[in-house]
Amino acid sequence: MCSIYSRQDPDRYALTTRSLRLEGYSTSIRLENAFWEVLERMAASEGRALSDLIAELHREVESRREGPMNFSSILRASCLIFLENHDQGRSGSVAA
């Protein structure tokens, strides 16, 4: 069974950095390509641009948290929530 995971295309876990604006500031987010693919699916499922989805998620998380946050980790966890909801036949917001 582990060969399913160990033989995956190395491009899936290669890191890609994308630049965007959050709250009026330019920033960069570095994630594995597999997570970028899921984020693109999330945005498409809501009929919006990826940058809009990420900016909204950032605003929502920032309004609910106190102190610093690891936004890349939040994005990865959001991808897992999206995939779990998809597997269970549910759709909707990533902030489940």
Foldseek 3Di string as FASTA:
>chain_A
DCCVVVVDDVQQQDKDKDWDDAPNDIDIAIGGNVLVVLLCVLQVVVVHDSRVLLNVVVVVVVVVDPDDDDSNVVSVVLSVQQVVCVVVVHDDDSVD
